[in-house]
Amino acid sequence: MIMIISVIFLIAVDQLTKYLTVLNIDEGAYIPILGNVFGLSYVKNPGAAFGILQEQTWLFVIFTIIILTGIVYTYIKVPNNKKYISLKITLILFIAGAIGNFIDRIRFKYVVDMLYFKLINFPVFNAADCYVVIGAILLIVLMLFKYKEEDFAFMKRRQR
């Protein structure tokens, strides 16, 4: 139940920030938050990260469904004990990020992005993207420093 509530909350934050962006920022405009370092800029992204695979909505839909199925399956298999709380949080971030951008792709055929590091001209991104990146960083840290291979025995098929 906590997973569902967490995912819904994170998706709501993502969708609210996108809604407020569309409502209040002209496409392509830049609103500085930290001068010429960081700000808001409304961009419609019909592709994936860094704008690759433009206008391939069907591919993103299929890919997202497959990935989400795998992540949810993994979440369900992860034991409900203290040792795996950080892994479950990581999976929640992945699920919320994937669904947040999936909603945009279904509704608009593009993803609404608004967070922009102007100083380094980094591609514009959104809250859902942040969830996925933070989740990926957490997963790398967990795999390097917390979990060992035997901690994932729960993922192996049971022998008959």
Protein backbone atom coordinates (compact mmCIF):
# COMPACT_ATOMS: atom_id res chain seq x y z
CA MET A 1 0.00 0.00 0.00
CA ILE A 2 2.85 2.41 0.82
CA MET A 3 4.26 1.80 -2.66
CA ILE A 4 1.01 2.81 -4.35
CA ILE A 5 0.63 5.94 -2.21
CA SER A 6 4.28 6.92 -2.81
CA VAL A 7 4.03 6.40 -6.57
CA ILE A 8 0.76 8.35 -6.78
CA PHE A 9 2.26 11.23 -4.76
CA LEU A 10 5.41 11.41 -6.91
CA ILE A 11 3.40 11.25 -10.15
CA ALA A 12 1.11 14.01 -8.83
CA VAL A 13 4.13 16.24 -8.12
CA ASP A 14 5.49 15.56 -11.60
CA GLN A 15 2.17 16.20 -13.34
CA LEU A 16 1.46 19.33 -11.26
CA THR A 17 4.84 20.86 -12.15
CA LYS A 18 4.22 20.08 -15.82
CA TYR A 19 0.72 21.56 -15.67
CA LEU A 20 2.00 24.74 -14.00
CA THR A 21 4.76 24.98 -16.60
CA VAL A 22 2.34 24.77 -19.53
CA LEU A 23 0.00 27.24 -17.82
CA ASN A 24 2.60 29.85 -16.87
CA ILE A 25 5.64 29.67 -19.15
CA ASP A 26 5.77 30.40 -22.87
CA GLU A 27 7.39 27.63 -24.86
CA GLY A 28 11.12 28.31 -25.18
CA ALA A 29 11.11 31.15 -22.62
CA TYR A 30 13.68 31.15 -19.80
CA ILE A 31 12.78 32.20 -16.26
CA PRO A 32 15.94 32.51 -14.14
CA ILE A 33 15.92 31.10 -10.63
CA LEU A 34 19.67 31.34 -10.10
CA GLY A 35 20.54 33.93 -12.75
CA ASN A 36 22.23 32.37 -15.76
CA VAL A 37 22.94 29.15 -13.85
CA PHE A 38 19.55 27.47 -13.39
CA GLY A 39 15.97 28.28 -14.26
CA LEU A 40 12.75 27.19 -15.89
CA SER A 41 12.25 26.78 -19.61
CA TYR A 42 9.18 25.13 -21.17
CA VAL A 43 10.21 22.58 -23.80
CA LYS A 44 8.14 19.92 -25.58
CA ASN A 45 10.31 16.83 -25.95
CA PRO A 46 8.97 14.29 -28.47
CA GLY A 47 12.06 12.11 -27.97
CA ALA A 48 13.89 10.38 -25.16
CA ALA A 49 16.87 11.61 -23.15
CA PHE A 50 18.76 14.36 -24.97
CA GLY A 51 16.03 14.37 -27.64
CA ILE A 52 16.97 11.04 -29.24
CA LEU A 53 14.36 8.92 -31.07
CA GLN A 54 12.12 11.88 -31.89
CA GLU A 55 8.44 11.14 -32.55
CA GLN A 56 8.68 7.40 -31.75
CA THR A 57 5.73 7.36 -29.33
CA TRP A 58 4.74 3.76 -30.07
CA LEU A 59 8.29 2.61 -29.30
CA PHE A 60 8.28 4.48 -25.97
CA VAL A 61 4.87 3.04 -25.04
CA ILE A 62 5.99 -0.55 -25.68
CA PHE A 63 9.36 -0.02 -24.00
CA THR A 64 7.78 1.65 -20.95
CA ILE A 65 5.22 -1.14 -20.48
CA ILE A 66 7.94 -3.81 -20.66
CA ILE A 67 10.27 -1.97 -18.27
CA LEU A 68 7.45 -1.12 -15.83
CA THR A 69 6.33 -4.75 -15.78
CA GLY A 70 9.85 -5.83 -14.88
CA ILE A 71 10.27 -3.19 -12.18
CA VAL A 72 6.88 -3.92 -10.58
CA TYR A 73 7.62 -7.67 -10.69
CA THR A 74 10.95 -7.02 -8.96
CA TYR A 75 9.27 -4.77 -6.36
CA ILE A 76 6.78 -7.53 -5.55
CA LYS A 77 9.58 -10.11 -5.19
CA VAL A 78 11.71 -7.94 -2.87
CA PRO A 79 11.30 -9.16 0.73
CA ASN A 80 9.40 -6.90 3.12
CA ASN A 81 12.15 -6.37 5.66
CA LYS A 82 14.33 -3.49 6.79
CA LYS A 83 17.33 -4.62 4.74
CA TYR A 84 15.52 -3.90 1.46
CA ILE A 85 13.79 -0.58 2.23
CA SER A 86 16.36 1.39 0.23
CA LEU A 87 15.93 -0.94 -2.77
CA LYS A 88 12.15 -0.55 -2.60
CA ILE A 89 12.50 3.26 -2.50
CA THR A 90 14.74 3.05 -5.57
CA LEU A 91 12.16 0.96 -7.43
CA ILE A 92 9.38 3.39 -6.43
CA LEU A 93 11.41 6.24 -7.98
CA PHE A 94 11.80 4.27 -11.22
CA ILE A 95 8.08 3.43 -11.34
CA ALA A 96 6.95 7.01 -10.68
CA GLY A 97 9.41 8.46 -13.19
CA ALA A 98 8.42 6.05 -15.92
CA ILE A 99 4.69 6.58 -15.37
CA GLY A 100 5.06 10.37 -15.12
CA ASN A 101 6.62 10.62 -18.57
CA PHE A 102 4.39 7.82 -19.92
CA ILE A 103 1.31 9.93 -19.10
CA ASP A 104 2.71 12.81 -21.17
CA ARG A 105 3.55 10.58 -24.11
CA ILE A 106 0.03 9.14 -24.18
CA ARG A 107 -1.70 12.51 -23.69
CA PHE A 108 0.46 14.80 -25.81
CA LYS A 109 2.86 12.61 -27.86
CA TYR A 110 5.69 14.52 -26.16
CA VAL A 111 7.04 15.08 -22.64
CA VAL A 112 6.86 18.46 -20.92
CA ASP A 113 10.29 19.51 -19.63
CA MET A 114 11.09 22.64 -17.65
CA LEU A 115 14.20 22.37 -15.45
CA TYR A 116 17.23 23.89 -17.17
CA PHE A 117 20.88 24.29 -16.16
CA LYS A 118 21.63 27.18 -18.48
CA LEU A 119 25.23 27.64 -17.36
CA ILE A 120 26.26 24.33 -18.93
CA ASN A 121 23.43 24.21 -21.49
CA PHE A 122 22.28 20.87 -20.08
CA PRO A 123 19.18 19.41 -21.77
CA VAL A 124 15.91 20.53 -20.17
CA PHE A 125 14.33 17.89 -17.91
CA ASN A 126 11.43 17.38 -15.47
CA ALA A 127 10.57 15.84 -12.09
CA ALA A 128 9.98 12.37 -13.57
CA ASP A 129 13.46 12.50 -15.11
CA CYS A 130 14.85 13.44 -11.69
CA TYR A 131 13.16 10.41 -10.12
CA VAL A 132 14.77 8.08 -12.67
CA VAL A 133 18.24 9.63 -12.35
CA ILE A 134 18.12 9.66 -8.54
CA GLY A 135 16.87 6.06 -8.63
CA ALA A 136 19.74 5.05 -10.93
CA ILE A 137 22.33 6.73 -8.69
CA LEU A 138 20.82 5.06 -5.61
CA LEU A 139 20.82 1.68 -7.35
CA ILE A 140 24.50 2.03 -8.28
CA VAL A 141 25.43 3.05 -4.72
CA LEU A 142 23.37 0.18 -3.26
CA MET A 143 24.93 -2.36 -5.62
CA LEU A 144 28.44 -1.12 -4.88
CA PHE A 145 28.24 -0.64 -1.12
CA LYS A 146 25.21 -2.34 0.44
CA TYR A 147 24.07 -5.46 -1.35
CA LYS A 148 25.97 -8.56 -2.34
CA GLU A 149 24.99 -11.10 -4.98
CA GLU A 150 23.49 -13.45 -2.38
CA ASP A 151 21.15 -10.65 -1.23
CA PHE A 152 19.26 -11.20 -4.50
CA ALA A 153 18.61 -14.91 -4.06
CA PHE A 154 14.91 -14.02 -3.78
CA MET A 155 14.92 -13.30 -7.53
CA LYS A 156 15.96 -16.81 -8.50
CA ARG A 157 13.35 -19.27 -9.69
CA ARG A 158 12.36 -21.87 -7.17
CA GLN A 159 13.50 -25.39 -7.90
CA ARG A 160 10.79 -28.05 -8.08
